[in-house]
Amino acid sequence: QVQLVESGGGLVQAGGSLRLSCAASGKISSFHVMGWYRQAPGKQRELVASHSAGSATNYLDSVKGRFSISRDYAKNTVALQMNSLKPEDAAVYYCYASLMRTYWGQGTQVTVSS
């Protein structure tokens, strides 16, 4: 069994920063890909950032230059540093991890006030 536990969401003013963290536990010690999706009310879930084995990263165009994903292989964690937050970044952020299948965290709410 694999569990992903997120932390770090909350309320922040526009222009502020938040750091999301996700810790994986269970039978898999190393995933091929770890990253973050988000879903705002009435919108489809979208990929925000991913970090693949070998350190390849990928970002949603609208967050490039503002968000940064990092990964600690030893601790099996992934983090998302979010700077210069905008109201349109508000959503539930979901951590995911993939190795033959995809595992999901429970989601953490990010609210950005204008």
N, C-alpha and C. Protein backbone atom coordinates (compact mmCIF):
# COMPACT_ATOMS: atom_id res chain seq x y z
N GLN A 1 0.85 -1.20 0.00
CA GLN A 1 0.00 0.00 0.00
C GLN A 1 0.88 1.24 0.00
N VAL A 2 0.48 2.22 -0.77
CA VAL A 2 1.22 3.48 -0.87
C VAL A 2 0.33 4.61 -0.38
N GLN A 3 0.89 5.47 0.42
CA GLN A 3 0.17 6.66 0.88
C GLN A 3 0.95 7.92 0.53
N LEU A 4 0.23 8.91 0.06
CA LEU A 4 0.83 10.23 -0.19
C LEU A 4 0.13 11.22 0.74
N VAL A 5 0.91 11.92 1.51
CA VAL A 5 0.35 12.87 2.48
C VAL A 5 0.88 14.26 2.17
N GLU A 6 -0.04 15.16 1.87
CA GLU A 6 0.32 16.53 1.52
C GLU A 6 0.22 17.44 2.73
N SER A 7 0.97 18.52 2.67
CA SER A 7 0.87 19.56 3.68
C SER A 7 1.29 20.89 3.07
N GLY A 8 0.92 21.97 3.73
CA GLY A 8 1.40 23.28 3.31
C GLY A 8 0.39 24.18 2.65
N GLY A 9 -0.80 23.71 2.39
CA GLY A 9 -1.81 24.58 1.78
C GLY A 9 -2.29 25.62 2.78
N GLY A 10 -3.09 26.54 2.28
CA GLY A 10 -3.63 27.57 3.16
C GLY A 10 -4.09 28.79 2.40
N LEU A 11 -4.25 29.86 3.15
CA LEU A 11 -4.72 31.13 2.60
C LEU A 11 -3.54 32.09 2.52
N VAL A 12 -3.41 32.73 1.38
CA VAL A 12 -2.33 33.69 1.18
C VAL A 12 -2.84 34.84 0.32
N GLN A 13 -2.27 36.00 0.52
CA GLN A 13 -2.63 37.14 -0.32
C GLN A 13 -1.95 37.03 -1.67
N ALA A 14 -2.56 37.63 -2.66
CA ALA A 14 -1.95 37.67 -3.99
C ALA A 14 -0.55 38.26 -3.88
N GLY A 15 0.38 37.62 -4.57
CA GLY A 15 1.77 38.05 -4.50
C GLY A 15 2.57 37.29 -3.46
N GLY A 16 1.89 36.58 -2.61
CA GLY A 16 2.56 35.84 -1.55
C GLY A 16 3.07 34.48 -2.02
N SER A 17 3.57 33.72 -1.05
CA SER A 17 4.18 32.43 -1.35
C SER A 17 3.63 31.34 -0.44
N LEU A 18 3.63 30.14 -0.95
CA LEU A 18 3.32 28.96 -0.18
C LEU A 18 4.23 27.84 -0.66
N ARG A 19 4.47 26.92 0.25
CA ARG A 19 5.26 25.73 -0.11
C ARG A 19 4.45 24.50 0.24
N LEU A 20 4.18 23.69 -0.76
CA LEU A 20 3.48 22.43 -0.57
C LEU A 20 4.49 21.30 -0.47
N SER A 21 4.20 20.36 0.40
CA SER A 21 5.06 19.20 0.54
C SER A 21 4.22 17.93 0.46
N CYS A 22 4.83 16.88 -0.03
CA CYS A 22 4.14 15.60 -0.15
C CYS A 22 5.13 14.50 0.21
N ALA A 23 4.73 13.66 1.14
CA ALA A 23 5.57 12.55 1.57
C ALA A 23 4.91 11.24 1.19
N ALA A 24 5.69 10.40 0.54
CA ALA A 24 5.20 9.08 0.14
C ALA A 24 5.68 8.02 1.11
N SER A 25 4.80 7.12 1.46
CA SER A 25 5.18 6.01 2.33
C SER A 25 4.56 4.74 1.79
N GLY A 26 5.16 3.64 2.14
CA GLY A 26 4.61 2.37 1.69
C GLY A 26 5.64 1.52 0.99
N LYS A 27 5.16 0.63 0.14
CA LYS A 27 6.02 -0.41 -0.42
C LYS A 27 6.92 0.06 -1.56
N ILE A 28 6.69 1.26 -2.08
CA ILE A 28 7.51 1.76 -3.18
C ILE A 28 8.45 2.83 -2.67
N SER A 29 9.73 2.62 -2.85
CA SER A 29 10.71 3.56 -2.32
C SER A 29 11.17 4.57 -3.35
N SER A 30 10.85 4.34 -4.62
CA SER A 30 11.30 5.27 -5.66
C SER A 30 10.31 5.25 -6.81
N PHE A 31 9.72 6.38 -7.08
CA PHE A 31 8.77 6.52 -8.16
C PHE A 31 9.44 7.07 -9.41
N HIS A 32 8.88 6.75 -10.55
CA HIS A 32 9.41 7.30 -11.80
C HIS A 32 9.11 8.81 -11.88
N VAL A 33 7.90 9.17 -11.54
CA VAL A 33 7.49 10.57 -11.60
C VAL A 33 6.74 10.94 -10.32
N MET A 34 7.03 12.12 -9.83
CA MET A 34 6.23 12.71 -8.75
C MET A 34 5.89 14.14 -9.15
N GLY A 35 4.74 14.60 -8.71
CA GLY A 35 4.38 15.95 -9.11
C GLY A 35 3.08 16.41 -8.50
N TRP A 36 2.53 17.45 -9.11
CA TRP A 36 1.34 18.11 -8.58
C TRP A 36 0.35 18.43 -9.69
N TYR A 37 -0.90 18.13 -9.41
CA TYR A 37 -2.02 18.58 -10.20
C TYR A 37 -2.81 19.57 -9.34
N ARG A 38 -3.69 20.30 -10.00
CA ARG A 38 -4.62 21.13 -9.25
C ARG A 38 -5.98 21.12 -9.93
N GLN A 39 -6.98 21.40 -9.14
CA GLN A 39 -8.34 21.48 -9.67
C GLN A 39 -9.10 22.58 -8.98
N ALA A 40 -9.53 23.55 -9.77
CA ALA A 40 -10.35 24.64 -9.26
C ALA A 40 -11.82 24.29 -9.48
N PRO A 41 -12.71 24.88 -8.72
CA PRO A 41 -14.15 24.58 -8.86
C PRO A 41 -14.63 24.80 -10.29
N GLY A 42 -15.31 23.81 -10.83
CA GLY A 42 -15.86 23.92 -12.18
C GLY A 42 -14.86 23.74 -13.30
N LYS A 43 -13.62 23.40 -12.95
CA LYS A 43 -12.57 23.25 -13.97
C LYS A 43 -12.00 21.84 -13.92
N GLN A 44 -11.37 21.47 -15.01
CA GLN A 44 -10.72 20.17 -15.06
C GLN A 44 -9.42 20.18 -14.27
N ARG A 45 -9.05 19.01 -13.80
CA ARG A 45 -7.76 18.88 -13.12
C ARG A 45 -6.65 19.11 -14.14
N GLU A 46 -5.65 19.89 -13.76
CA GLU A 46 -4.55 20.18 -14.68
C GLU A 46 -3.21 19.91 -14.00
N LEU A 47 -2.27 19.49 -14.82
CA LEU A 47 -0.93 19.22 -14.33
C LEU A 47 -0.22 20.54 -14.09
N VAL A 48 0.27 20.73 -12.88
CA VAL A 48 0.98 21.95 -12.53
C VAL A 48 2.49 21.78 -12.72
N ALA A 49 3.03 20.70 -12.19
CA ALA A 49 4.47 20.48 -12.29
C ALA A 49 4.75 19.00 -12.05
N SER A 50 5.79 18.52 -12.72
CA SER A 50 6.21 17.14 -12.52
C SER A 50 7.73 17.07 -12.47
N HIS A 51 8.18 16.03 -11.79
CA HIS A 51 9.62 15.81 -11.64
C HIS A 51 9.87 14.33 -11.90
N SER A 52 10.58 14.05 -12.97
CA SER A 52 10.83 12.68 -13.36
C SER A 52 12.19 12.20 -12.88
N ALA A 53 12.33 10.90 -12.77
CA ALA A 53 13.63 10.33 -12.43
C ALA A 53 14.66 10.82 -13.45
N GLY A 54 15.80 11.27 -12.97
CA GLY A 54 16.77 11.91 -13.85
C GLY A 54 16.66 13.41 -13.81
N SER A 55 15.71 13.91 -12.98
CA SER A 55 15.56 15.33 -12.69
C SER A 55 14.93 16.16 -13.79
N ALA A 56 14.27 15.53 -14.74
CA ALA A 56 13.55 16.31 -15.74
C ALA A 56 12.30 16.90 -15.10
N THR A 57 12.08 18.18 -15.33
CA THR A 57 10.91 18.85 -14.76
C THR A 57 10.03 19.41 -15.88
N ASN A 58 8.77 19.56 -15.54
CA ASN A 58 7.81 20.08 -16.50
C ASN A 58 6.83 20.96 -15.75
N TYR A 59 6.47 22.10 -16.33
CA TYR A 59 5.58 23.05 -15.67
C TYR A 59 4.44 23.48 -16.59
N LEU A 60 3.32 23.75 -15.97
CA LEU A 60 2.21 24.40 -16.65
C LEU A 60 2.69 25.79 -17.08
N ASP A 61 2.35 26.19 -18.28
CA ASP A 61 2.86 27.47 -18.79
C ASP A 61 2.57 28.63 -17.85
N SER A 62 1.39 28.64 -17.26
CA SER A 62 0.99 29.79 -16.45
C SER A 62 1.74 29.89 -15.13
N VAL A 63 2.48 28.86 -14.75
CA VAL A 63 3.21 28.91 -13.48
C VAL A 63 4.72 28.98 -13.69
N LYS A 64 5.16 28.89 -14.92
CA LYS A 64 6.60 28.95 -15.19
C LYS A 64 7.18 30.27 -14.68
N GLY A 65 8.32 30.14 -14.01
CA GLY A 65 8.97 31.31 -13.46
C GLY A 65 8.47 31.69 -12.08
N ARG A 66 7.35 31.10 -11.67
CA ARG A 66 6.79 31.41 -10.34
C ARG A 66 6.83 30.19 -9.41
N PHE A 67 6.62 29.03 -9.96
CA PHE A 67 6.60 27.79 -9.18
C PHE A 67 7.87 26.99 -9.44
N SER A 68 8.28 26.25 -8.42
CA SER A 68 9.46 25.41 -8.57
C SER A 68 9.22 24.09 -7.85
N ILE A 69 9.46 23.00 -8.56
CA ILE A 69 9.27 21.68 -7.98
C ILE A 69 10.62 21.09 -7.60
N SER A 70 10.65 20.42 -6.48
CA SER A 70 11.88 19.77 -6.05
C SER A 70 11.54 18.42 -5.46
N ARG A 71 12.54 17.57 -5.44
CA ARG A 71 12.29 16.20 -5.02
C ARG A 71 13.45 15.70 -4.17
N ASP A 72 13.14 15.00 -3.12
CA ASP A 72 14.15 14.38 -2.27
C ASP A 72 13.98 12.87 -2.41
N TYR A 73 14.89 12.27 -3.14
CA TYR A 73 14.77 10.83 -3.40
C TYR A 73 14.98 10.02 -2.13
N ALA A 74 15.86 10.48 -1.28
CA ALA A 74 16.15 9.74 -0.05
C ALA A 74 14.93 9.70 0.87
N LYS A 75 14.20 10.80 0.92
CA LYS A 75 13.04 10.88 1.80
C LYS A 75 11.74 10.53 1.08
N ASN A 76 11.82 10.35 -0.23
CA ASN A 76 10.64 10.04 -1.05
C ASN A 76 9.58 11.13 -0.91
N THR A 77 10.04 12.36 -1.07
CA THR A 77 9.14 13.51 -0.96
C THR A 77 9.26 14.39 -2.21
N VAL A 78 8.22 15.17 -2.42
CA VAL A 78 8.23 16.16 -3.48
C VAL A 78 7.62 17.43 -2.93
N ALA A 79 8.17 18.56 -3.33
CA ALA A 79 7.70 19.84 -2.83
C ALA A 79 7.42 20.78 -4.00
N LEU A 80 6.53 21.69 -3.76
CA LEU A 80 6.20 22.71 -4.76
C LEU A 80 6.28 24.07 -4.10
N GLN A 81 7.27 24.84 -4.47
CA GLN A 81 7.41 26.20 -3.99
C GLN A 81 6.64 27.12 -4.92
N MET A 82 5.68 27.83 -4.36
CA MET A 82 4.82 28.68 -5.17
C MET A 82 5.01 30.13 -4.76
N ASN A 83 5.53 30.91 -5.67
CA ASN A 83 5.78 32.33 -5.41
C ASN A 83 4.89 33.18 -6.31
N SER A 84 4.77 34.44 -5.95
CA SER A 84 3.97 35.39 -6.73
C SER A 84 2.60 34.82 -7.06
N LEU A 85 1.95 34.29 -6.04
CA LEU A 85 0.66 33.64 -6.26
C LEU A 85 -0.40 34.62 -6.74
N LYS A 86 -1.25 34.11 -7.60
CA LYS A 86 -2.33 34.88 -8.18
C LYS A 86 -3.67 34.26 -7.78
N PRO A 87 -4.73 35.03 -7.81
CA PRO A 87 -6.04 34.45 -7.48
C PRO A 87 -6.39 33.25 -8.34
N GLU A 88 -5.92 33.25 -9.58
CA GLU A 88 -6.23 32.12 -10.47
C GLU A 88 -5.45 30.86 -10.13
N ASP A 89 -4.52 30.95 -9.19
CA ASP A 89 -3.81 29.76 -8.71
C ASP A 89 -4.61 29.02 -7.63
N ALA A 90 -5.66 29.63 -7.15
CA ALA A 90 -6.45 29.00 -6.09
C ALA A 90 -7.08 27.71 -6.60
N ALA A 91 -6.92 26.66 -5.84
CA ALA A 91 -7.42 25.34 -6.24
C ALA A 91 -7.10 24.35 -5.13
N VAL A 92 -7.59 23.15 -5.32
CA VAL A 92 -7.12 22.03 -4.50
C VAL A 92 -5.94 21.42 -5.25
N TYR A 93 -4.83 21.33 -4.57
CA TYR A 93 -3.61 20.78 -5.16
C TYR A 93 -3.43 19.33 -4.72
N TYR A 94 -3.18 18.47 -5.70
CA TYR A 94 -3.04 17.05 -5.44
C TYR A 94 -1.62 16.59 -5.79
N CYS A 95 -1.00 15.94 -4.88
CA CYS A 95 0.26 15.29 -5.13
C CYS A 95 0.00 13.96 -5.83
N TYR A 96 0.91 13.59 -6.74
CA TYR A 96 0.79 12.27 -7.35
C TYR A 96 2.17 11.65 -7.50
N ALA A 97 2.16 10.35 -7.62
CA ALA A 97 3.41 9.61 -7.80
C ALA A 97 3.11 8.42 -8.71
N SER A 98 3.97 8.20 -9.66
CA SER A 98 3.73 7.16 -10.65
C SER A 98 4.87 6.16 -10.76
N LEU A 99 4.48 4.90 -10.75
CA LEU A 99 5.38 3.79 -11.07
C LEU A 99 4.46 2.63 -11.42
N MET A 100 4.29 2.39 -12.68
CA MET A 100 3.36 1.38 -13.23
C MET A 100 1.90 1.79 -13.04
N ARG A 101 1.60 2.50 -12.00
CA ARG A 101 0.27 3.11 -11.83
C ARG A 101 0.47 4.42 -11.09
N THR A 102 -0.60 5.18 -11.00
CA THR A 102 -0.51 6.50 -10.36
C THR A 102 -1.22 6.47 -9.02
N TYR A 103 -0.53 7.02 -8.04
CA TYR A 103 -1.08 7.16 -6.70
C TYR A 103 -1.35 8.64 -6.44
N TRP A 104 -2.37 8.90 -5.61
CA TRP A 104 -2.79 10.28 -5.37
C TRP A 104 -2.85 10.60 -3.89
N GLY A 105 -2.53 11.84 -3.57
CA GLY A 105 -2.76 12.34 -2.23
C GLY A 105 -4.21 12.78 -2.09
N GLN A 106 -4.54 13.22 -0.89
CA GLN A 106 -5.93 13.57 -0.61
C GLN A 106 -6.26 15.00 -1.03
N GLY A 107 -5.25 15.78 -1.34
CA GLY A 107 -5.47 17.16 -1.78
C GLY A 107 -5.31 18.16 -0.65
N THR A 108 -4.80 19.31 -1.00
CA THR A 108 -4.67 20.40 -0.03
C THR A 108 -5.15 21.69 -0.69
N GLN A 109 -5.92 22.46 0.06
CA GLN A 109 -6.54 23.65 -0.48
C GLN A 109 -5.57 24.83 -0.48
N VAL A 110 -5.50 25.50 -1.60
CA VAL A 110 -4.75 26.75 -1.70
C VAL A 110 -5.74 27.85 -2.06
N THR A 111 -5.81 28.87 -1.22
CA THR A 111 -6.70 29.99 -1.45
C THR A 111 -5.87 31.25 -1.57
N VAL A 112 -6.11 32.02 -2.61
CA VAL A 112 -5.35 33.25 -2.84
C VAL A 112 -6.33 34.41 -2.88
N SER A 113 -6.16 35.32 -1.93
CA SER A 113 -7.05 36.48 -1.86
C SER A 113 -6.47 37.63 -2.68
N SER A 114 -7.35 38.36 -3.32
CA SER A 114 -6.88 39.48 -4.15
C SER A 114 -6.83 40.77 -3.36
